[in-house]
Amino acid sequence: MKLENELSVSVEIMSPAYAIIVSTNKESIEQLKNYTEIEEIEEPFTLEAQDVTSSYYSR
């Protein structure tokens, strides 16, 4: 795959319109912004706490 070869990243195709791209360095993520095929980049984050009222409701 083009991105895997050019940027040394791992690509997992989830659907025709969505993929997960994993990189071990920030430079590769920055270079992704130059590809016209990439429409949006979401950087990972750590969930620290979950709002129980928004995810679970009981009476």
Protein backbone atom coordinates (compact mmCIF):
# COMPACT_ATOMS: atom_id res chain seq x y z
CA MET A 1 0.00 0.00 0.00
CA LYS A 2 1.21 3.49 -0.88
CA LEU A 3 1.14 5.00 2.62
CA GLU A 4 2.75 1.99 4.25
CA ASN A 5 5.67 2.12 1.82
CA GLU A 6 6.17 5.88 1.74
CA LEU A 7 5.66 6.71 5.43
CA SER A 8 6.39 3.41 7.20
CA VAL A 9 2.98 3.34 8.83
CA SER A 10 0.47 0.56 9.43
CA VAL A 11 -2.90 0.87 7.66
CA GLU A 12 -6.05 -1.05 8.52
CA ILE A 13 -8.92 -0.47 6.08
CA MET A 14 -12.20 -0.44 8.01
CA SER A 15 -14.54 0.53 5.14
CA PRO A 16 -14.25 2.19 1.72
CA ALA A 17 -14.32 5.58 3.46
CA TYR A 18 -12.47 4.90 6.74
CA ALA A 19 -9.10 3.52 7.79
CA ILE A 20 -6.96 3.40 10.90
CA ILE A 21 -3.36 4.48 10.34
CA VAL A 22 -0.81 3.78 13.07
CA SER A 23 2.59 5.47 13.23
CA THR A 24 5.38 5.49 15.78
CA ASN A 25 6.51 9.03 14.99
CA LYS A 26 4.88 12.46 14.75
CA GLU A 27 6.59 13.29 11.44
CA SER A 28 4.59 10.62 9.61
CA ILE A 29 1.35 12.02 11.00
CA GLU A 30 2.30 15.51 9.82
CA GLN A 31 3.16 14.15 6.36
CA LEU A 32 -0.30 12.57 6.10
CA LYS A 33 -1.74 16.08 5.86
CA ASN A 34 -0.09 16.42 2.43
CA TYR A 35 -2.05 13.51 0.92
CA THR A 36 -5.23 14.54 -0.90
CA GLU A 37 -6.76 11.12 -0.11
CA ILE A 38 -6.73 11.97 3.61
CA GLU A 39 -9.79 14.04 4.53
CA GLU A 40 -9.53 14.07 8.32
CA ILE A 41 -6.99 13.10 10.96
CA GLU A 42 -7.94 12.29 14.54
CA GLU A 43 -5.02 11.94 16.89
CA PRO A 44 -5.35 9.41 19.72
CA PHE A 45 -6.27 10.37 23.24
CA THR A 46 -6.60 8.57 26.55
CA LEU A 47 -9.98 8.27 28.20
CA GLU A 48 -9.55 9.20 31.83
CA ALA A 49 -13.10 9.12 33.13
CA GLN A 50 -16.47 8.22 31.72
CA ASP A 51 -19.62 10.17 32.40
CA VAL A 52 -21.93 7.40 33.64
CA THR A 53 -25.07 9.45 33.06
CA SER A 54 -24.35 9.75 29.35
CA SER A 55 -23.48 6.10 28.77
CA TYR A 56 -25.89 4.26 31.08
CA TYR A 57 -29.39 5.06 32.25
CA SER A 58 -31.57 3.08 34.63
CA ARG A 59 -34.77 3.86 36.53
